[in-house]
Amino acid sequence: MGALDGKTAVVTGAGRGIGREEALALAAEGALVVVNDVDAAEAAAVVAAIEGAGGRARAHTDDVATWAGAESVVAAAVDAGGQLDILVNNAGILRDAMSFSMDEAQWDAVIQVHLKGHFACSHFAGMHWRERAKAGEEGITGRIINTASESGLYGLAGQINYAAAKAGIASMTVVLGRELKKYGVTVNAIAPRARTRMTETVLSGIGPNPDGFDEWDPANIAPIVAWLASPDSQDINGQVFVVFANRVHLMHGWDLHNTIETDGRWTLDALTARKDELFGDRKHGLPPMGFGS
């Protein structure tokens, strides 16, 4: 018995990299997996790998960054398995440039694929679960696992489009978690660090390690996603995790750090005079970049 026996899952951008490993892991736990990728050959190869290992899968090649494509992938899951249980929003692209060099097409493409793609799929998945709940079905256990990024958490230079989209996904995760909780749905996000076509273009020294544990292997990410999709994670909702190698970091963002108060309206001079009191032991400049920075 797998942890996901009888479940139907969608993984977007599942033709390669992290998405492929997520699809394989969900299938290994018993889920019927709809493998979404705009590259039909890659999607078919993942389906073949799942079926070759004794699992169940269907290929889906519509662009989920469009309203019609997102609706289609949810419908494909319902058609294949009778209902949708798990949505893994993974599809993404990079169009890196400094803010002063980025053009409109670079901005629009990344925002559409990441932010709109995540929302559109979640929208139609949420509709599906809400309709089932309103029809009187009990015991719904829907799951959405989004893909954020440390770039969105810390704001990496040269990725303003990607960072903005990923920060939006982190916030979207919290909102969706609040809205869908009453229908039995949990929504969480991972910020994965792994070797993919995207990261290989911006990071060096992340090749396979032939002599030991491969920290950058995208397969390291998949067990956390399968766990968040499982019944054991029913009480986890609206959380963001940084996942790297054999480590899972639970993140907390935008906590209140300090407060200053005055009588009536602030003046510029008064704010300047109490600047150090406001910041306390924090620096006045940019926040830290995160782990190891």
C-alpha atoms as a PDB file:
ATOM      1  CA  MET A   1       0.000   0.000   0.000  1.00  0.00           C
ATOM      2  CA  GLY A   2       1.353   3.380  -0.995  1.00  0.00           C
ATOM      3  CA  ALA A   3       0.620   6.586   0.891  1.00  0.00           C
ATOM      4  CA  LEU A   4      -1.300   7.899  -2.131  1.00  0.00           C
ATOM      5  CA  ASP A   5      -3.178   4.813  -3.306  1.00  0.00           C
ATOM      6  CA  GLY A   6      -6.415   5.792  -5.030  1.00  0.00           C
ATOM      7  CA  LYS A   7      -5.392   9.438  -5.436  1.00  0.00           C
ATOM      8  CA  THR A   8      -5.185  11.368  -8.694  1.00  0.00           C
ATOM      9  CA  ALA A   9      -2.461  13.974  -9.054  1.00  0.00           C
ATOM     10  CA  VAL A  10      -1.433  16.656 -11.518  1.00  0.00           C
ATOM     11  CA  VAL A  11       2.188  17.758 -11.802  1.00  0.00           C
ATOM     12  CA  THR A  12       2.822  20.696 -14.115  1.00  0.00           C
ATOM     13  CA  GLY A  13       6.148  21.095 -15.873  1.00  0.00           C
ATOM     14  CA  ALA A  14       6.775  17.416 -15.200  1.00  0.00           C
ATOM     15  CA  GLY A  15       8.792  16.559 -18.306  1.00  0.00           C
ATOM     16  CA  ARG A  16      12.197  17.084 -16.699  1.00  0.00           C
ATOM     17  CA  GLY A  17      14.015  18.082 -13.550  1.00  0.00           C
ATOM     18  CA  ILE A  18      12.156  18.532 -10.290  1.00  0.00           C
ATOM     19  CA  GLY A  19       8.720  18.031 -11.859  1.00  0.00           C
ATOM     20  CA  ARG A  20       9.728  14.704 -13.358  1.00  0.00           C
ATOM     21  CA  GLU A  21      11.010  13.454 -10.002  1.00  0.00           C
ATOM     22  CA  GLU A  22       7.839  14.663  -8.278  1.00  0.00           C
ATOM     23  CA  ALA A  23       5.669  12.784 -10.781  1.00  0.00           C
ATOM     24  CA  LEU A  24       7.728   9.601 -10.330  1.00  0.00           C
ATOM     25  CA  ALA A  25       7.531   9.852  -6.527  1.00  0.00           C
ATOM     26  CA  LEU A  26       3.763  10.413  -6.453  1.00  0.00           C
ATOM     27  CA  ALA A  27       3.244   7.478  -8.814  1.00  0.00           C
ATOM     28  CA  ALA A  28       5.513   5.283  -6.694  1.00  0.00           C
ATOM     29  CA  GLU A  29       3.229   6.030  -3.735  1.00  0.00           C
ATOM     30  CA  GLY A  30       0.212   4.821  -5.717  1.00  0.00           C
ATOM     31  CA  ALA A  31      -1.209   7.987  -7.290  1.00  0.00           C
ATOM     32  CA  LEU A  32      -2.442   8.153 -10.855  1.00  0.00           C
ATOM     33  CA  VAL A  33      -0.373  11.071 -12.196  1.00  0.00           C
ATOM     34  CA  VAL A  34      -1.309  13.470 -14.972  1.00  0.00           C
ATOM     35  CA  VAL A  35       2.094  14.466 -16.336  1.00  0.00           C
ATOM     36  CA  ASN A  36       1.780  17.961 -17.757  1.00  0.00           C
ATOM     37  CA  ASP A  37       4.467  19.441 -20.004  1.00  0.00           C
ATOM     38  CA  VAL A  38       4.313  21.464 -23.201  1.00  0.00           C
ATOM     39  CA  ASP A  39       7.050  19.178 -24.583  1.00  0.00           C
ATOM     40  CA  ALA A  40       5.017  16.167 -25.682  1.00  0.00           C
ATOM     41  CA  ALA A  41       8.047  13.899 -26.030  1.00  0.00           C
ATOM     42  CA  GLU A  42       9.244  14.667 -22.504  1.00  0.00           C
ATOM     43  CA  ALA A  43       5.767  14.129 -21.034  1.00  0.00           C
ATOM     44  CA  ALA A  44       5.450  10.821 -22.858  1.00  0.00           C
ATOM     45  CA  ALA A  45       8.854   9.691 -21.590  1.00  0.00           C
ATOM     46  CA  VAL A  46       7.845  10.327 -17.975  1.00  0.00           C
ATOM     47  CA  VAL A  47       4.569   8.457 -18.486  1.00  0.00           C
ATOM     48  CA  ALA A  48       6.532   5.552 -19.942  1.00  0.00           C
ATOM     49  CA  ALA A  49       8.900   5.553 -16.958  1.00  0.00           C
ATOM     50  CA  ILE A  50       5.990   5.501 -14.516  1.00  0.00           C
ATOM     51  CA  GLU A  51       4.172   2.736 -16.348  1.00  0.00           C
ATOM     52  CA  GLY A  52       7.406   0.774 -16.701  1.00  0.00           C
ATOM     53  CA  ALA A  53       7.709   0.802 -12.917  1.00  0.00           C
ATOM     54  CA  GLY A  54       4.142  -0.483 -12.540  1.00  0.00           C
ATOM     55  CA  GLY A  55       2.483   2.899 -11.955  1.00  0.00           C
ATOM     56  CA  ARG A  56      -0.319   4.777 -13.685  1.00  0.00           C
ATOM     57  CA  ALA A  57       0.029   8.019 -15.615  1.00  0.00           C
ATOM     58  CA  ARG A  58      -1.436  10.134 -18.389  1.00  0.00           C
ATOM     59  CA  ALA A  59       0.286  12.755 -20.515  1.00  0.00           C
ATOM     60  CA  HIS A  60      -1.117  16.274 -20.868  1.00  0.00           C
ATOM     61  CA  THR A  61       0.541  18.907 -23.055  1.00  0.00           C
ATOM     62  CA  ASP A  62      -1.630  22.029 -22.851  1.00  0.00           C
ATOM     63  CA  ASP A  63      -0.044  25.256 -21.620  1.00  0.00           C
ATOM     64  CA  VAL A  64      -1.255  25.659 -18.032  1.00  0.00           C
ATOM     65  CA  ALA A  65      -0.192  29.311 -18.031  1.00  0.00           C
ATOM     66  CA  THR A  66      -3.396  29.907 -19.985  1.00  0.00           C
ATOM     67  CA  TRP A  67      -6.897  29.816 -18.531  1.00  0.00           C
ATOM     68  CA  ALA A  68      -8.002  27.131 -20.996  1.00  0.00           C
ATOM     69  CA  GLY A  69      -4.923  24.998 -20.394  1.00  0.00           C
ATOM     70  CA  ALA A  70      -5.352  25.114 -16.627  1.00  0.00           C
ATOM     71  CA  GLU A  71      -9.013  24.155 -16.906  1.00  0.00           C
ATOM     72  CA  SER A  72      -8.045  21.350 -19.269  1.00  0.00           C
ATOM     73  CA  VAL A  73      -5.455  19.769 -16.967  1.00  0.00           C
ATOM     74  CA  VAL A  74      -7.888  19.635 -14.053  1.00  0.00           C
ATOM     75  CA  ALA A  75     -10.524  18.127 -16.344  1.00  0.00           C
ATOM     76  CA  ALA A  76      -7.972  15.572 -17.557  1.00  0.00           C
ATOM     77  CA  ALA A  77      -7.324  14.471 -13.975  1.00  0.00           C
ATOM     78  CA  VAL A  78     -11.047  14.129 -13.257  1.00  0.00           C
ATOM     79  CA  ASP A  79     -11.530  12.186 -16.483  1.00  0.00           C
ATOM     80  CA  ALA A  80      -8.625   9.847 -15.710  1.00  0.00           C
ATOM     81  CA  GLY A  81      -9.230   9.229 -12.023  1.00  0.00           C
ATOM     82  CA  GLY A  82     -12.762  10.362 -11.289  1.00  0.00           C
ATOM     83  CA  GLN A  83     -11.584  13.328  -9.244  1.00  0.00           C
ATOM     84  CA  LEU A  84      -8.542  15.490  -8.548  1.00  0.00           C
ATOM     85  CA  ASP A  85      -6.787  15.020  -5.208  1.00  0.00           C
ATOM     86  CA  ILE A  86      -3.345  16.579  -5.615  1.00  0.00           C
ATOM     87  CA  LEU A  87      -2.077  19.541  -7.629  1.00  0.00           C
ATOM     88  CA  VAL A  88       1.656  20.183  -7.817  1.00  0.00           C
ATOM     89  CA  ASN A  89       2.297  23.547  -9.471  1.00  0.00           C
ATOM     90  CA  ASN A  90       5.856  23.267 -10.765  1.00  0.00           C
ATOM     91  CA  ALA A  91       6.047  24.651 -14.322  1.00  0.00           C
ATOM     92  CA  GLY A  92       8.442  27.561 -14.707  1.00  0.00           C
ATOM     93  CA  ILE A  93      10.918  29.421 -16.893  1.00  0.00           C
ATOM     94  CA  LEU A  94      13.729  31.950 -16.485  1.00  0.00           C
ATOM     95  CA  ARG A  95      14.246  35.200 -18.411  1.00  0.00           C
ATOM     96  CA  ASP A  96      16.920  36.801 -16.243  1.00  0.00           C
ATOM     97  CA  ALA A  97      18.010  40.422 -16.662  1.00  0.00           C
ATOM     98  CA  MET A  98      18.744  43.436 -14.501  1.00  0.00           C
ATOM     99  CA  SER A  99      15.706  45.656 -13.969  1.00  0.00           C
ATOM    100  CA  PHE A 100      17.115  48.420 -16.157  1.00  0.00           C
ATOM    101  CA  SER A 101      17.808  45.983 -19.005  1.00  0.00           C
ATOM    102  CA  MET A 102      14.678  43.822 -18.890  1.00  0.00           C
ATOM    103  CA  ASP A 103      12.161  44.188 -21.696  1.00  0.00           C
ATOM    104  CA  GLU A 104       8.402  43.793 -21.540  1.00  0.00           C
ATOM    105  CA  ALA A 105       8.399  40.334 -23.084  1.00  0.00           C
ATOM    106  CA  GLN A 106      10.846  39.015 -20.477  1.00  0.00           C
ATOM    107  CA  TRP A 107       8.697  40.383 -17.666  1.00  0.00           C
ATOM    108  CA  ASP A 108       5.385  39.153 -19.094  1.00  0.00           C
ATOM    109  CA  ALA A 109       6.597  35.628 -19.916  1.00  0.00           C
ATOM    110  CA  VAL A 110       7.886  34.884 -16.411  1.00  0.00           C
ATOM    111  CA  ILE A 111       4.889  36.406 -14.632  1.00  0.00           C
ATOM    112  CA  GLN A 112       2.502  34.467 -16.854  1.00  0.00           C
ATOM    113  CA  VAL A 113       4.170  31.062 -16.576  1.00  0.00           C
ATOM    114  CA  HIS A 114       4.855  31.221 -12.832  1.00  0.00           C
ATOM    115  CA  LEU A 115       2.248  33.457 -11.247  1.00  0.00           C
ATOM    116  CA  LYS A 116      -0.669  33.060 -13.632  1.00  0.00           C
ATOM    117  CA  GLY A 117       0.118  29.373 -14.172  1.00  0.00           C
ATOM    118  CA  HIS A 118       0.032  28.667 -10.452  1.00  0.00           C
ATOM    119  CA  PHE A 119      -3.130  30.675  -9.932  1.00  0.00           C
ATOM    120  CA  ALA A 120      -5.026  29.366 -12.955  1.00  0.00           C
ATOM    121  CA  CYS A 121      -4.478  25.723 -12.018  1.00  0.00           C
ATOM    122  CA  SER A 122      -5.307  26.445  -8.370  1.00  0.00           C
ATOM    123  CA  HIS A 123      -8.445  28.298  -9.436  1.00  0.00           C
ATOM    124  CA  PHE A 124      -9.871  25.351 -11.327  1.00  0.00           C
ATOM    125  CA  ALA A 125      -8.713  22.842  -8.710  1.00  0.00           C
ATOM    126  CA  GLY A 126     -10.385  24.957  -6.027  1.00  0.00           C
ATOM    127  CA  MET A 127     -13.591  25.067  -8.053  1.00  0.00           C
ATOM    128  CA  HIS A 128     -13.513  21.275  -8.317  1.00  0.00           C
ATOM    129  CA  TRP A 129     -13.137  20.736  -4.576  1.00  0.00           C
ATOM    130  CA  ARG A 130     -15.696  23.413  -3.685  1.00  0.00           C
ATOM    131  CA  GLU A 131     -18.277  21.890  -6.018  1.00  0.00           C
ATOM    132  CA  ARG A 132     -17.731  18.452  -4.476  1.00  0.00           C
ATOM    133  CA  ALA A 133     -18.109  19.874  -0.973  1.00  0.00           C
ATOM    134  CA  LYS A 134     -21.262  21.785  -1.888  1.00  0.00           C
ATOM    135  CA  ALA A 135     -22.690  18.585  -3.379  1.00  0.00           C
ATOM    136  CA  GLY A 136     -22.457  17.055   0.087  1.00  0.00           C
ATOM    137  CA  GLU A 137     -19.283  15.014  -0.269  1.00  0.00           C
ATOM    138  CA  GLU A 138     -17.474  14.534   3.016  1.00  0.00           C
ATOM    139  CA  GLY A 139     -13.849  13.679   3.739  1.00  0.00           C
ATOM    140  CA  ILE A 140     -12.301  15.675   0.878  1.00  0.00           C
ATOM    141  CA  THR A 141      -8.514  15.775   1.221  1.00  0.00           C
ATOM    142  CA  GLY A 142      -7.307  18.086  -1.519  1.00  0.00           C
ATOM    143  CA  ARG A 143      -3.681  19.133  -1.742  1.00  0.00           C
ATOM    144  CA  ILE A 144      -1.924  21.952  -3.537  1.00  0.00           C
ATOM    145  CA  ILE A 145       1.876  22.100  -3.431  1.00  0.00           C
ATOM    146  CA  ASN A 146       3.240  25.270  -5.011  1.00  0.00           C
ATOM    147  CA  THR A 147       6.785  25.986  -6.114  1.00  0.00           C
ATOM    148  CA  ALA A 148       8.260  29.183  -4.746  1.00  0.00           C
ATOM    149  CA  SER A 149      11.967  30.059  -4.719  1.00  0.00           C
ATOM    150  CA  GLU A 150      14.605  31.540  -2.457  1.00  0.00           C
ATOM    151  CA  SER A 151      14.855  34.273  -5.072  1.00  0.00           C
ATOM    152  CA  GLY A 152      11.319  35.262  -4.153  1.00  0.00           C
ATOM    153  CA  LEU A 153      12.054  35.051  -0.426  1.00  0.00           C
ATOM    154  CA  TYR A 154      15.291  37.048  -0.471  1.00  0.00           C
ATOM    155  CA  GLY A 155      15.172  39.079  -3.702  1.00  0.00           C
ATOM    156  CA  LEU A 156      18.086  38.051  -5.907  1.00  0.00           C
ATOM    157  CA  ALA A 157      19.531  40.732  -8.206  1.00  0.00           C
ATOM    158  CA  GLY A 158      19.084  40.002 -11.903  1.00  0.00           C
ATOM    159  CA  GLN A 159      15.820  38.118 -11.357  1.00  0.00           C
ATOM    160  CA  ILE A 160      13.262  40.817 -10.640  1.00  0.00           C
ATOM    161  CA  ASN A 161      10.569  39.125 -12.758  1.00  0.00           C
ATOM    162  CA  TYR A 162      11.229  35.683 -11.296  1.00  0.00           C
ATOM    163  CA  ALA A 163      11.593  36.974  -7.723  1.00  0.00           C
ATOM    164  CA  ALA A 164       8.360  38.965  -7.972  1.00  0.00           C
ATOM    165  CA  ALA A 165       6.490  35.944  -9.321  1.00  0.00           C
ATOM    166  CA  LYS A 166       7.881  33.598  -6.683  1.00  0.00           C
ATOM    167  CA  ALA A 167       7.190  36.037  -3.842  1.00  0.00           C
ATOM    168  CA  GLY A 168       3.650  36.265  -5.185  1.00  0.00           C
ATOM    169  CA  ILE A 169       3.388  32.476  -5.128  1.00  0.00           C
ATOM    170  CA  ALA A 170       4.481  32.403  -1.479  1.00  0.00           C
ATOM    171  CA  SER A 171       1.741  34.904  -0.592  1.00  0.00           C
ATOM    172  CA  MET A 172      -0.738  33.100  -2.821  1.00  0.00           C
ATOM    173  CA  THR A 173      -0.042  29.922  -0.868  1.00  0.00           C
ATOM    174  CA  VAL A 174      -1.151  31.553   2.380  1.00  0.00           C
ATOM    175  CA  VAL A 175      -4.304  33.024   0.819  1.00  0.00           C
ATOM    176  CA  LEU A 176      -5.291  29.768  -0.878  1.00  0.00           C
ATOM    177  CA  GLY A 177      -4.682  27.919   2.369  1.00  0.00           C
ATOM    178  CA  ARG A 178      -7.085  30.237   4.172  1.00  0.00           C
ATOM    179  CA  GLU A 179      -9.744  30.103   1.452  1.00  0.00           C
ATOM    180  CA  LEU A 180      -9.746  26.357   0.773  1.00  0.00           C
ATOM    181  CA  LYS A 181      -9.280  25.043   4.307  1.00  0.00           C
ATOM    182  CA  LYS A 182     -13.026  24.731   4.900  1.00  0.00           C
ATOM    183  CA  TYR A 183     -13.279  22.390   1.918  1.00  0.00           C
ATOM    184  CA  GLY A 184     -10.665  19.981   3.305  1.00  0.00           C
ATOM    185  CA  VAL A 185      -7.823  21.347   1.173  1.00  0.00           C
ATOM    186  CA  THR A 186      -4.315  22.232   2.327  1.00  0.00           C
ATOM    187  CA  VAL A 187      -1.960  24.494   0.383  1.00  0.00           C
ATOM    188  CA  ASN A 188       1.780  24.638   0.968  1.00  0.00           C
ATOM    189  CA  ALA A 189       4.844  25.714  -0.983  1.00  0.00           C
ATOM    190  CA  ILE A 190       8.396  24.538  -1.397  1.00  0.00           C
ATOM    191  CA  ALA A 191      11.391  26.627  -2.438  1.00  0.00           C
ATOM    192  CA  PRO A 192      13.605  23.895  -3.891  1.00  0.00           C
ATOM    193  CA  ARG A 193      17.347  24.057  -4.436  1.00  0.00           C
ATOM    194  CA  ALA A 194      18.356  21.461  -7.040  1.00  0.00           C
ATOM    195  CA  ARG A 195      20.120  20.891 -10.348  1.00  0.00           C
ATOM    196  CA  THR A 196      17.801  21.698 -13.249  1.00  0.00           C
ATOM    197  CA  ARG A 197      18.041  23.307 -16.672  1.00  0.00           C
ATOM    198  CA  MET A 198      17.128  26.585 -14.997  1.00  0.00           C
ATOM    199  CA  THR A 199      19.644  26.511 -12.142  1.00  0.00           C
ATOM    200  CA  GLU A 200      22.474  25.249 -14.334  1.00  0.00           C
ATOM    201  CA  THR A 201      22.319  28.536 -16.242  1.00  0.00           C
ATOM    202  CA  VAL A 202      22.899  30.656 -13.113  1.00  0.00           C
ATOM    203  CA  LEU A 203      24.893  28.435 -10.737  1.00  0.00           C
ATOM    204  CA  SER A 204      28.262  26.713 -11.096  1.00  0.00           C
ATOM    205  CA  GLY A 205      29.684  23.702  -9.297  1.00  0.00           C
ATOM    206  CA  ILE A 206      26.403  21.834  -8.965  1.00  0.00           C
ATOM    207  CA  GLY A 207      27.228  18.814 -11.115  1.00  0.00           C
ATOM    208  CA  PRO A 208      26.573  15.244  -9.972  1.00  0.00           C
ATOM    209  CA  ASN A 209      28.733  13.947  -7.123  1.00  0.00           C
ATOM    210  CA  PRO A 210      30.068  10.490  -8.074  1.00  0.00           C
ATOM    211  CA  ASP A 211      31.684   9.912  -4.683  1.00  0.00           C
ATOM    212  CA  GLY A 212      28.792  10.402  -2.261  1.00  0.00           C
ATOM    213  CA  PHE A 213      25.400  11.930  -1.622  1.00  0.00           C
ATOM    214  CA  ASP A 214      24.437  14.219  -4.515  1.00  0.00           C
ATOM    215  CA  GLU A 215      23.078  17.299  -2.748  1.00  0.00           C
ATOM    216  CA  TRP A 216      21.845  18.859  -5.992  1.00  0.00           C
ATOM    217  CA  ASP A 217      19.949  15.833  -7.313  1.00  0.00           C
ATOM    218  CA  PRO A 218      16.356  16.973  -8.083  1.00  0.00           C
ATOM    219  CA  ALA A 219      15.135  13.619  -6.734  1.00  0.00           C
ATOM    220  CA  ASN A 220      15.953  14.941  -3.246  1.00  0.00           C
ATOM    221  CA  ILE A 221      12.968  17.300  -3.500  1.00  0.00           C
ATOM    222  CA  ALA A 222      10.340  14.711  -4.395  1.00  0.00           C
ATOM    223  CA  PRO A 223       9.860  12.976  -1.005  1.00  0.00           C
ATOM    224  CA  ILE A 224       8.906  16.272   0.650  1.00  0.00           C
ATOM    225  CA  VAL A 225       6.281  16.887  -2.036  1.00  0.00           C
ATOM    226  CA  ALA A 226       4.914  13.352  -1.660  1.00  0.00           C
ATOM    227  CA  TRP A 227       4.768  13.866   2.099  1.00  0.00           C
ATOM    228  CA  LEU A 228       2.884  17.160   1.762  1.00  0.00           C
ATOM    229  CA  ALA A 229       0.466  15.367  -0.582  1.00  0.00           C
ATOM    230  CA  SER A 230      -0.134  12.539   1.879  1.00  0.00           C
ATOM    231  CA  PRO A 231      -2.768  12.106   4.618  1.00  0.00           C
ATOM    232  CA  ASP A 232      -0.014  12.554   7.221  1.00  0.00           C
ATOM    233  CA  SER A 233       0.185  16.256   6.323  1.00  0.00           C
ATOM    234  CA  GLN A 234      -3.495  17.110   6.754  1.00  0.00           C
ATOM    235  CA  ASP A 235      -2.601  19.485   9.615  1.00  0.00           C
ATOM    236  CA  ILE A 236       0.039  21.437   7.613  1.00  0.00           C
ATOM    237  CA  ASN A 237      -1.397  24.421   5.766  1.00  0.00           C
ATOM    238  CA  GLY A 238      -0.143  27.741   4.405  1.00  0.00           C
ATOM    239  CA  GLN A 239       3.530  26.946   5.007  1.00  0.00           C
ATOM    240  CA  VAL A 240       6.643  27.623   2.941  1.00  0.00           C
ATOM    241  CA  PHE A 241       9.636  25.278   3.103  1.00  0.00           C
ATOM    242  CA  VAL A 242      13.111  25.700   1.653  1.00  0.00           C
ATOM    243  CA  VAL A 243      14.219  22.226   0.577  1.00  0.00           C
ATOM    244  CA  PHE A 244      17.834  21.379  -0.233  1.00  0.00           C
ATOM    245  CA  ALA A 245      19.646  18.046  -0.225  1.00  0.00           C
ATOM    246  CA  ASN A 246      18.776  16.353   3.088  1.00  0.00           C
ATOM    247  CA  ARG A 247      17.503  19.517   4.786  1.00  0.00           C
ATOM    248  CA  VAL A 248      14.020  21.008   5.158  1.00  0.00           C
ATOM    249  CA  HIS A 249      13.815  24.592   6.441  1.00  0.00           C
ATOM    250  CA  LEU A 250      10.485  25.937   7.696  1.00  0.00           C
ATOM    251  CA  MET A 251      10.260  29.616   6.746  1.00  0.00           C
ATOM    252  CA  HIS A 252       8.519  32.557   8.399  1.00  0.00           C
ATOM    253  CA  GLY A 253       8.234  35.834   6.528  1.00  0.00           C
ATOM    254  CA  TRP A 254       7.463  39.447   7.319  1.00  0.00           C
ATOM    255  CA  ASP A 255       7.298  39.078  11.080  1.00  0.00           C
ATOM    256  CA  LEU A 256       6.890  42.320  13.020  1.00  0.00           C
ATOM    257  CA  HIS A 257      10.336  43.349  14.279  1.00  0.00           C
ATOM    258  CA  ASN A 258       9.800  46.589  16.164  1.00  0.00           C
ATOM    259  CA  THR A 259       7.389  49.506  16.663  1.00  0.00           C
ATOM    260  CA  ILE A 260       7.819  53.169  17.485  1.00  0.00           C
ATOM    261  CA  GLU A 261       4.953  55.528  18.267  1.00  0.00           C
ATOM    262  CA  THR A 262       4.563  59.266  18.632  1.00  0.00           C
ATOM    263  CA  ASP A 263       1.930  61.778  19.715  1.00  0.00           C
ATOM    264  CA  GLY A 264      -0.073  62.791  16.678  1.00  0.00           C
ATOM    265  CA  ARG A 265       1.480  62.803  13.204  1.00  0.00           C
ATOM    266  CA  TRP A 266       5.124  61.957  12.550  1.00  0.00           C
ATOM    267  CA  THR A 267       7.590  64.551  11.294  1.00  0.00           C
ATOM    268  CA  LEU A 268      10.687  63.812   9.222  1.00  0.00           C
ATOM    269  CA  ASP A 269      12.966  65.075  11.989  1.00  0.00           C
ATOM    270  CA  ALA A 270      11.270  62.869  14.589  1.00  0.00           C
ATOM    271  CA  LEU A 271      11.587  59.784  12.382  1.00  0.00           C
ATOM    272  CA  THR A 272      15.254  60.484  11.765  1.00  0.00           C
ATOM    273  CA  ALA A 273      15.889  60.973  15.467  1.00  0.00           C
ATOM    274  CA  ARG A 274      14.349  57.615  16.319  1.00  0.00           C
ATOM    275  CA  LYS A 275      15.612  55.614  13.342  1.00  0.00           C
ATOM    276  CA  ASP A 276      18.031  53.552  15.447  1.00  0.00           C
ATOM    277  CA  GLU A 277      15.288  52.807  17.937  1.00  0.00           C
ATOM    278  CA  LEU A 278      13.071  51.488  15.141  1.00  0.00           C
ATOM    279  CA  PHE A 279      15.698  49.243  13.594  1.00  0.00           C
ATOM    280  CA  GLY A 280      17.231  48.106  16.886  1.00  0.00           C
ATOM    281  CA  ASP A 281      19.941  45.546  16.223  1.00  0.00           C
ATOM    282  CA  ARG A 282      19.043  45.284  12.536  1.00  0.00           C
ATOM    283  CA  LYS A 283      21.000  47.069   9.856  1.00  0.00           C
ATOM    284  CA  HIS A 284      19.348  49.904   7.988  1.00  0.00           C
ATOM    285  CA  GLY A 285      20.233  48.479   4.582  1.00  0.00           C
ATOM    286  CA  LEU A 286      19.256  45.438   2.567  1.00  0.00           C
ATOM    287  CA  PRO A 287      18.115  42.284   4.391  1.00  0.00           C
ATOM    288  CA  PRO A 288      20.365  39.185   4.347  1.00  0.00           C
ATOM    289  CA  MET A 289      20.266  36.927   1.309  1.00  0.00           C
ATOM    290  CA  GLY A 290      19.536  33.716   3.194  1.00  0.00           C
ATOM    291  CA  PHE A 291      21.388  30.487   3.922  1.00  0.00           C
ATOM    292  CA  GLY A 292      25.114  30.697   3.394  1.00  0.00           C
ATOM    293  CA  SER A 293      25.041  34.253   2.067  1.00  0.00           C
END
